[in-house]
Amino acid sequence: SLSVARTLTDGGDAANQAALVKDLGTRFEAES
């Protein structure tokens, strides 16, 4: 998630990385 924030800070396109964070992160939330 932090890597996406860094990409956005640098003005980069983070759409793909953001989708990955959302997939992995919300699965973790559900399993937790």
Full PDB file with SEQRES, HELIX, SHEET, SSBOND, CRYST1, ORIGX, SCALE, CONECT and MASTER records, all heavy atoms in Angstrom:
SEQRES   1 A   32  SER LEU SER VAL ALA ARG THR LEU THR ASP GLY GLY ASP          
SEQRES   2 A   32  ALA ALA ASN GLN ALA ALA LEU VAL LYS ASP LEU GLY THR          
SEQRES   3 A   32  ARG PHE GLU ALA GLU SER                                      
HELIX    1 AA1 LEU A    2  THR A    9  1                                   8    
HELIX    2 AA2 ALA A   15  GLU A   31  1                                  17    
CRYST1    1.000    1.000    1.000  90.00  90.00  90.00 P 1           1          
ORIGX1      1.000000  0.000000  0.000000        0.00000                         
ORIGX2      0.000000  1.000000  0.000000        0.00000                         
ORIGX3      0.000000  0.000000  1.000000        0.00000                         
SCALE1      1.000000  0.000000  0.000000        0.00000                         
SCALE2      0.000000  1.000000  0.000000        0.00000                         
SCALE3      0.000000  0.000000  1.000000        0.00000                         
ATOM      1  N   SER A   1       0.822  -1.200   0.000  1.00  0.00           N  
ATOM      2  CA  SER A   1       0.000   0.000   0.000  1.00  0.00           C  
ATOM      3  C   SER A   1       0.861   1.257   0.000  1.00  0.00           C  
ATOM      4  O   SER A   1       0.578   2.234  -0.704  1.00  0.00           O  
ATOM      5  CB  SER A   1      -0.929  -0.022   1.223  1.00  0.00           C  
ATOM      6  OG  SER A   1      -1.779   1.096   1.242  1.00  0.00           O  
ATOM      7  N   LEU A   2       1.929   1.246   0.770  1.00  0.00           N  
ATOM      8  CA  LEU A   2       2.851   2.384   0.797  1.00  0.00           C  
ATOM      9  C   LEU A   2       3.495   2.618  -0.560  1.00  0.00           C  
ATOM     10  O   LEU A   2       3.736   3.761  -0.962  1.00  0.00           O  
ATOM     11  CB  LEU A   2       3.944   2.143   1.842  1.00  0.00           C  
ATOM     12  CG  LEU A   2       3.678   2.640   3.263  1.00  0.00           C  
ATOM     13  CD1 LEU A   2       4.736   2.108   4.215  1.00  0.00           C  
ATOM     14  CD2 LEU A   2       3.648   4.160   3.296  1.00  0.00           C  
ATOM     15  N   SER A   3       3.770   1.536  -1.282  1.00  0.00           N  
ATOM     16  CA  SER A   3       4.399   1.700  -2.601  1.00  0.00           C  
ATOM     17  C   SER A   3       3.481   2.451  -3.556  1.00  0.00           C  
ATOM     18  O   SER A   3       3.945   3.217  -4.408  1.00  0.00           O  
ATOM     19  CB  SER A   3       4.771   0.331  -3.191  1.00  0.00           C  
ATOM     20  OG  SER A   3       3.621  -0.384  -3.619  1.00  0.00           O  
ATOM     21  N   VAL A   4       2.153   2.267  -3.407  1.00  0.00           N  
ATOM     22  CA  VAL A   4       1.206   3.018  -4.229  1.00  0.00           C  
ATOM     23  C   VAL A   4       1.253   4.489  -3.843  1.00  0.00           C  
ATOM     24  O   VAL A   4       1.244   5.374  -4.707  1.00  0.00           O  
ATOM     25  CB  VAL A   4      -0.222   2.464  -4.088  1.00  0.00           C  
ATOM     26  CG1 VAL A   4      -1.208   3.322  -4.850  1.00  0.00           C  
ATOM     27  CG2 VAL A   4      -0.281   1.022  -4.576  1.00  0.00           C  
ATOM     28  N   ALA A   5       1.304   4.781  -2.539  1.00  0.00           N  
ATOM     29  CA  ALA A   5       1.400   6.172  -2.095  1.00  0.00           C  
ATOM     30  C   ALA A   5       2.648   6.840  -2.649  1.00  0.00           C  
ATOM     31  O   ALA A   5       2.619   8.011  -3.055  1.00  0.00           O  
ATOM     32  CB  ALA A   5       1.399   6.232  -0.563  1.00  0.00           C  
ATOM     33  N   ARG A   6       3.744   6.103  -2.703  1.00  0.00           N  
ATOM     34  CA  ARG A   6       4.976   6.678  -3.263  1.00  0.00           C  
ATOM     35  C   ARG A   6       4.814   6.947  -4.758  1.00  0.00           C  
ATOM     36  O   ARG A   6       5.275   7.972  -5.277  1.00  0.00           O  
ATOM     37  CB  ARG A   6       6.153   5.726  -3.012  1.00  0.00           C  
ATOM     38  CG  ARG A   6       6.506   5.556  -1.551  1.00  0.00           C  
ATOM     39  CD  ARG A   6       7.841   4.834  -1.385  1.00  0.00           C  
ATOM     40  NE  ARG A   6       8.065   4.495   0.008  1.00  0.00           N  
ATOM     41  CZ  ARG A   6       7.844   3.305   0.541  1.00  0.00           C  
ATOM     42  NH1 ARG A   6       7.383   2.321  -0.217  1.00  0.00           N  
ATOM     43  NH2 ARG A   6       8.078   3.078   1.812  1.00  0.00           N  
ATOM     44  N   THR A   7       4.170   6.019  -5.459  1.00  0.00           N  
ATOM     45  CA  THR A   7       3.947   6.218  -6.892  1.00  0.00           C  
ATOM     46  C   THR A   7       3.089   7.450  -7.145  1.00  0.00           C  
ATOM     47  O   THR A   7       3.368   8.258  -8.036  1.00  0.00           O  
ATOM     48  CB  THR A   7       3.276   4.977  -7.508  1.00  0.00           C  
ATOM     49  OG1 THR A   7       4.131   3.847  -7.338  1.00  0.00           O  
ATOM     50  CG2 THR A   7       3.012   5.175  -9.007  1.00  0.00           C  
ATOM     51  N   LEU A   8       2.038   7.605  -6.348  1.00  0.00           N  
ATOM     52  CA  LEU A   8       1.176   8.772  -6.488  1.00  0.00           C  
ATOM     53  C   LEU A   8       1.933  10.054  -6.146  1.00  0.00           C  
ATOM     54  O   LEU A   8       1.738  11.093  -6.780  1.00  0.00           O  
ATOM     55  CB  LEU A   8      -0.053   8.626  -5.587  1.00  0.00           C  
ATOM     56  CG  LEU A   8      -1.024   7.504  -5.963  1.00  0.00           C  
ATOM     57  CD1 LEU A   8      -2.094   7.337  -4.897  1.00  0.00           C  
ATOM     58  CD2 LEU A   8      -1.672   7.760  -7.321  1.00  0.00           C  
ATOM     59  N   THR A   9       2.814   9.980  -5.144  1.00  0.00           N  
ATOM     60  CA  THR A   9       3.643  11.132  -4.790  1.00  0.00           C  
ATOM     61  C   THR A   9       4.502  11.555  -5.970  1.00  0.00           C  
ATOM     62  O   THR A   9       4.705  12.749  -6.222  1.00  0.00           O  
ATOM     63  CB  THR A   9       4.543  10.795  -3.580  1.00  0.00           C  
ATOM     64  OG1 THR A   9       3.714  10.531  -2.450  1.00  0.00           O  
ATOM     65  CG2 THR A   9       5.484  11.947  -3.248  1.00  0.00           C  
ATOM     66  N   ASP A  10       5.002  10.571  -6.713  1.00  0.00           N  
ATOM     67  CA  ASP A  10       5.855  10.851  -7.876  1.00  0.00           C  
ATOM     68  C   ASP A  10       5.058  11.188  -9.128  1.00  0.00           C  
ATOM     69  O   ASP A  10       5.634  11.392 -10.198  1.00  0.00           O  
ATOM     70  CB  ASP A  10       6.760   9.639  -8.158  1.00  0.00           C  
ATOM     71  CG  ASP A  10       7.747   9.374  -7.023  1.00  0.00           C  
ATOM     72  OD1 ASP A  10       8.044  10.324  -6.267  1.00  0.00           O  
ATOM     73  OD2 ASP A  10       8.206   8.228  -6.889  1.00  0.00           O  
ATOM     74  N   GLY A  11       3.727  11.215  -9.010  1.00  0.00           N  
ATOM     75  CA  GLY A  11       2.891  11.547 -10.156  1.00  0.00           C  
ATOM     76  C   GLY A  11       2.677  10.401 -11.120  1.00  0.00           C  
ATOM     77  O   GLY A  11       2.257  10.609 -12.262  1.00  0.00           O  
ATOM     78  N   GLY A  12       2.931   9.172 -10.682  1.00  0.00           N  
ATOM     79  CA  GLY A  12       2.811   8.012 -11.561  1.00  0.00           C  
ATOM     80  C   GLY A  12       1.414   7.427 -11.596  1.00  0.00           C  
ATOM     81  O   GLY A  12       0.543   7.787 -10.803  1.00  0.00           O  
ATOM     82  N   ASP A  13       1.190   6.504 -12.528  1.00  0.00           N  
ATOM     83  CA  ASP A  13      -0.075   5.786 -12.667  1.00  0.00           C  
ATOM     84  C   ASP A  13      -0.005   4.536 -11.800  1.00  0.00           C  
ATOM     85  O   ASP A  13       0.837   3.665 -12.019  1.00  0.00           O  
ATOM     86  CB  ASP A  13      -0.295   5.413 -14.131  1.00  0.00           C  
ATOM     87  CG  ASP A  13      -1.595   4.633 -14.348  1.00  0.00           C  
ATOM     88  OD1 ASP A  13      -2.345   4.446 -13.372  1.00  0.00           O  
ATOM     89  OD2 ASP A  13      -1.845   4.209 -15.494  1.00  0.00           O  
ATOM     90  N   ALA A  14      -0.901   4.464 -10.822  1.00  0.00           N  
ATOM     91  CA  ALA A  14      -0.861   3.348  -9.871  1.00  0.00           C  
ATOM     92  C   ALA A  14      -2.107   2.477  -9.942  1.00  0.00           C  
ATOM     93  O   ALA A  14      -2.398   1.731  -9.005  1.00  0.00           O  
ATOM     94  CB  ALA A  14      -0.682   3.881  -8.454  1.00  0.00           C  
ATOM     95  N   ALA A  15      -2.856   2.548 -11.054  1.00  0.00           N  
ATOM     96  CA  ALA A  15      -4.134   1.835 -11.131  1.00  0.00           C  
ATOM     97  C   ALA A  15      -3.963   0.334 -10.937  1.00  0.00           C  
ATOM     98  O   ALA A  15      -4.742  -0.302 -10.213  1.00  0.00           O  
ATOM     99  CB  ALA A  15      -4.806   2.127 -12.470  1.00  0.00           C  
ATOM    100  N   ASN A  16      -2.951  -0.251 -11.562  1.00  0.00           N  
ATOM    101  CA  ASN A  16      -2.759  -1.696 -11.469  1.00  0.00           C  
ATOM    102  C   ASN A  16      -2.318  -2.108 -10.064  1.00  0.00           C  
ATOM    103  O   ASN A  16      -2.842  -3.064  -9.486  1.00  0.00           O  
ATOM    104  CB  ASN A  16      -1.718  -2.149 -12.499  1.00  0.00           C  
ATOM    105  CG  ASN A  16      -1.889  -3.605 -12.884  1.00  0.00           C  
ATOM    106  OD1 ASN A  16      -2.972  -4.016 -13.268  1.00  0.00           O  
ATOM    107  ND2 ASN A  16      -0.822  -4.375 -12.782  1.00  0.00           N  
ATOM    108  N   GLN A  17      -1.366  -1.353  -9.513  1.00  0.00           N  
ATOM    109  CA  GLN A  17      -0.901  -1.668  -8.163  1.00  0.00           C  
ATOM    110  C   GLN A  17      -2.023  -1.483  -7.147  1.00  0.00           C  
ATOM    111  O   GLN A  17      -2.140  -2.245  -6.188  1.00  0.00           O  
ATOM    112  CB  GLN A  17       0.282  -0.771  -7.782  1.00  0.00           C  
ATOM    113  CG  GLN A  17       1.510  -0.950  -8.661  1.00  0.00           C  
ATOM    114  CD  GLN A  17       1.579   0.100  -9.744  1.00  0.00           C  
ATOM    115  OE1 GLN A  17       0.595   0.320 -10.468  1.00  0.00           O  
ATOM    116  NE2 GLN A  17       2.727   0.739  -9.869  1.00  0.00           N  
ATOM    117  N   ALA A  18      -2.853  -0.458  -7.349  1.00  0.00           N  
ATOM    118  CA  ALA A  18      -3.961  -0.212  -6.426  1.00  0.00           C  
ATOM    119  C   ALA A  18      -4.956  -1.371  -6.447  1.00  0.00           C  
ATOM    120  O   ALA A  18      -5.484  -1.776  -5.408  1.00  0.00           O  
ATOM    121  CB  ALA A  18      -4.656   1.093  -6.780  1.00  0.00           C  
ATOM    122  N   ALA A  19      -5.236  -1.899  -7.642  1.00  0.00           N  
ATOM    123  CA  ALA A  19      -6.138  -3.038  -7.755  1.00  0.00           C  
ATOM    124  C   ALA A  19      -5.580  -4.251  -7.010  1.00  0.00           C  
ATOM    125  O   ALA A  19      -6.313  -5.003  -6.357  1.00  0.00           O  
ATOM    126  CB  ALA A  19      -6.379  -3.374  -9.224  1.00  0.00           C  
ATOM    127  N   LEU A  20      -4.270  -4.438  -7.095  1.00  0.00           N  
ATOM    128  CA  LEU A  20      -3.630  -5.557  -6.401  1.00  0.00           C  
ATOM    129  C   LEU A  20      -3.728  -5.393  -4.888  1.00  0.00           C  
ATOM    130  O   LEU A  20      -4.042  -6.343  -4.159  1.00  0.00           O  
ATOM    131  CB  LEU A  20      -2.160  -5.643  -6.827  1.00  0.00           C  
ATOM    132  CG  LEU A  20      -1.337  -6.796  -6.229  1.00  0.00           C  
ATOM    133  CD1 LEU A  20      -1.920  -8.137  -6.632  1.00  0.00           C  
ATOM    134  CD2 LEU A  20       0.116  -6.684  -6.664  1.00  0.00           C  
ATOM    135  N   VAL A  21      -3.483  -4.174  -4.401  1.00  0.00           N  
ATOM    136  CA  VAL A  21      -3.597  -3.913  -2.965  1.00  0.00           C  
ATOM    137  C   VAL A  21      -5.014  -4.188  -2.485  1.00  0.00           C  
ATOM    138  O   VAL A  21      -5.238  -4.802  -1.446  1.00  0.00           O  
ATOM    139  CB  VAL A  21      -3.193  -2.455  -2.645  1.00  0.00           C  
ATOM    140  CG1 VAL A  21      -3.567  -2.104  -1.203  1.00  0.00           C  
ATOM    141  CG2 VAL A  21      -1.702  -2.259  -2.853  1.00  0.00           C  
ATOM    142  N   LYS A  22      -5.989  -3.727  -3.265  1.00  0.00           N  
ATOM    143  CA  LYS A  22      -7.379  -3.922  -2.872  1.00  0.00           C  
ATOM    144  C   LYS A  22      -7.738  -5.406  -2.830  1.00  0.00           C  
ATOM    145  O   LYS A  22      -8.409  -5.863  -1.895  1.00  0.00           O  
ATOM    146  CB  LYS A  22      -8.284  -3.175  -3.847  1.00  0.00           C  
ATOM    147  CG  LYS A  22      -9.718  -2.978  -3.345  1.00  0.00           C  
ATOM    148  CD  LYS A  22     -10.614  -4.134  -3.726  1.00  0.00           C  
ATOM    149  CE  LYS A  22     -12.035  -3.937  -3.239  1.00  0.00           C  
ATOM    150  NZ  LYS A  22     -12.883  -5.112  -3.462  1.00  0.00           N  
ATOM    151  N   ASP A  23      -7.307  -6.178  -3.803  1.00  0.00           N  
ATOM    152  CA  ASP A  23      -7.594  -7.617  -3.842  1.00  0.00           C  
ATOM    153  C   ASP A  23      -6.969  -8.314  -2.631  1.00  0.00           C  
ATOM    154  O   ASP A  23      -7.660  -8.971  -1.836  1.00  0.00           O  
ATOM    155  CB  ASP A  23      -7.055  -8.206  -5.144  1.00  0.00           C  
ATOM    156  CG  ASP A  23      -7.322  -9.696  -5.285  1.00  0.00           C  
ATOM    157  OD1 ASP A  23      -7.978 -10.282  -4.401  1.00  0.00           O  
ATOM    158  OD2 ASP A  23      -6.869 -10.281  -6.278  1.00  0.00           O  
ATOM    159  N   LEU A  24      -5.671  -8.166  -2.457  1.00  0.00           N  
ATOM    160  CA  LEU A  24      -4.977  -8.846  -1.366  1.00  0.00           C  
ATOM    161  C   LEU A  24      -5.413  -8.311  -0.002  1.00  0.00           C  
ATOM    162  O   LEU A  24      -5.607  -9.080   0.952  1.00  0.00           O  
ATOM    163  CB  LEU A  24      -3.462  -8.674  -1.534  1.00  0.00           C  
ATOM    164  CG  LEU A  24      -2.837  -9.313  -2.772  1.00  0.00           C  
ATOM    165  CD1 LEU A  24      -1.367  -8.945  -2.872  1.00  0.00           C  
ATOM    166  CD2 LEU A  24      -2.993 -10.826  -2.752  1.00  0.00           C  
ATOM    167  N   GLY A  25      -5.592  -6.998   0.082  1.00  0.00           N  
ATOM    168  CA  GLY A  25      -5.923  -6.391   1.362  1.00  0.00           C  
ATOM    169  C   GLY A  25      -7.294  -6.768   1.865  1.00  0.00           C  
ATOM    170  O   GLY A  25      -7.469  -7.099   3.049  1.00  0.00           O  
ATOM    171  N   THR A  26      -8.287  -6.730   1.004  1.00  0.00           N  
ATOM    172  CA  THR A  26      -9.640  -7.043   1.462  1.00  0.00           C  
ATOM    173  C   THR A  26      -9.821  -8.533   1.721  1.00  0.00           C  
ATOM    174  O   THR A  26     -10.629  -8.916   2.570  1.00  0.00           O  
ATOM    175  CB  THR A  26     -10.688  -6.548   0.447  1.00  0.00           C  
ATOM    176  OG1 THR A  26     -10.397  -7.087  -0.852  1.00  0.00           O  
ATOM    177  CG2 THR A  26     -10.680  -5.029   0.356  1.00  0.00           C  
ATOM    178  N   ARG A  27      -9.074  -9.370   1.022  1.00  0.00           N  
ATOM    179  CA  ARG A  27      -9.109 -10.799   1.359  1.00  0.00           C  
ATOM    180  C   ARG A  27      -8.522 -11.026   2.753  1.00  0.00           C  
ATOM    181  O   ARG A  27      -9.029 -11.830   3.539  1.00  0.00           O  
ATOM    182  CB  ARG A  27      -8.351 -11.617   0.318  1.00  0.00           C  
ATOM    183  CG  ARG A  27      -9.193 -11.978  -0.905  1.00  0.00           C  
ATOM    184  CD  ARG A  27      -8.528 -13.055  -1.727  1.00  0.00           C  
ATOM    185  NE  ARG A  27      -7.391 -12.526  -2.490  1.00  0.00           N  
ATOM    186  CZ  ARG A  27      -6.392 -13.259  -2.964  1.00  0.00           C  
ATOM    187  NH1 ARG A  27      -6.363 -14.556  -2.712  1.00  0.00           N  
ATOM    188  NH2 ARG A  27      -5.426 -12.715  -3.670  1.00  0.00           N  
ATOM    189  N   PHE A  28      -7.436 -10.305   3.042  1.00  0.00           N  
ATOM    190  CA  PHE A  28      -6.855 -10.389   4.378  1.00  0.00           C  
ATOM    191  C   PHE A  28      -7.854  -9.926   5.436  1.00  0.00           C  
ATOM    192  O   PHE A  28      -8.012 -10.581   6.484  1.00  0.00           O  
ATOM    193  CB  PHE A  28      -5.588  -9.536   4.455  1.00  0.00           C  
ATOM    194  CG  PHE A  28      -5.109  -9.309   5.862  1.00  0.00           C  
ATOM    195  CD1 PHE A  28      -4.398 -10.291   6.533  1.00  0.00           C  
ATOM    196  CD2 PHE A  28      -5.389  -8.115   6.528  1.00  0.00           C  
ATOM    197  CE1 PHE A  28      -3.979 -10.091   7.846  1.00  0.00           C  
ATOM    198  CE2 PHE A  28      -4.970  -7.913   7.825  1.00  0.00           C  
ATOM    199  CZ  PHE A  28      -4.263  -8.898   8.498  1.00  0.00           C  
ATOM    200  N   GLU A  29      -8.534  -8.821   5.179  1.00  0.00           N  
ATOM    201  CA  GLU A  29      -9.524  -8.329   6.135  1.00  0.00           C  
ATOM    202  C   GLU A  29     -10.588  -9.380   6.424  1.00  0.00           C  
ATOM    203  O   GLU A  29     -10.942  -9.627   7.589  1.00  0.00           O  
ATOM    204  CB  GLU A  29     -10.182  -7.063   5.595  1.00  0.00           C  
ATOM    205  CG  GLU A  29      -9.281  -5.840   5.598  1.00  0.00           C  
ATOM    206  CD  GLU A  29      -9.968  -4.622   5.023  1.00  0.00           C  
ATOM    207  OE1 GLU A  29     -10.876  -4.778   4.176  1.00  0.00           O  
ATOM    208  OE2 GLU A  29      -9.596  -3.501   5.405  1.00  0.00           O  
ATOM    209  N   ALA A  30     -11.095  -9.987   5.358  1.00  0.00           N  
ATOM    210  CA  ALA A  30     -12.149 -10.992   5.534  1.00  0.00           C  
ATOM    211  C   ALA A  30     -11.637 -12.198   6.321  1.00  0.00           C  
ATOM    212  O   ALA A  30     -12.316 -12.704   7.226  1.00  0.00           O  
ATOM    213  CB  ALA A  30     -12.673 -11.429   4.166  1.00  0.00           C  
ATOM    214  N   GLU A  31     -10.435 -12.661   5.993  1.00  0.00           N  
ATOM    215  CA  GLU A  31      -9.887 -13.838   6.671  1.00  0.00           C  
ATOM    216  C   GLU A  31      -9.527 -13.543   8.120  1.00  0.00           C  
ATOM    217  O   GLU A  31      -9.574 -14.431   8.974  1.00  0.00           O  
ATOM    218  CB  GLU A  31      -8.644 -14.331   5.916  1.00  0.00           C  
ATOM    219  CG  GLU A  31      -8.970 -14.908   4.540  1.00  0.00           C  
ATOM    220  CD  GLU A  31      -7.734 -15.063   3.658  1.00  0.00           C  
ATOM    221  OE1 GLU A  31      -6.611 -14.796   4.159  1.00  0.00           O  
ATOM    222  OE2 GLU A  31      -7.887 -15.420   2.479  1.00  0.00           O  
ATOM    223  N   SER A  32      -9.177 -12.286   8.419  1.00  0.00           N  
ATOM    224  CA  SER A  32      -8.740 -11.952   9.769  1.00  0.00           C  
ATOM    225  C   SER A  32      -9.868 -12.077  10.793  1.00  0.00           C  
ATOM    226  O   SER A  32      -9.610 -12.296  11.982  1.00  0.00           O  
ATOM    227  CB  SER A  32      -8.183 -10.521   9.801  1.00  0.00           C  
ATOM    228  OG  SER A  32      -9.207  -9.556   9.638  1.00  0.00           O  
TER     229      SER A  32                                                      
MASTER        0    0    0    2    0    0    0    6  228    1    0    3          
END                                                                             
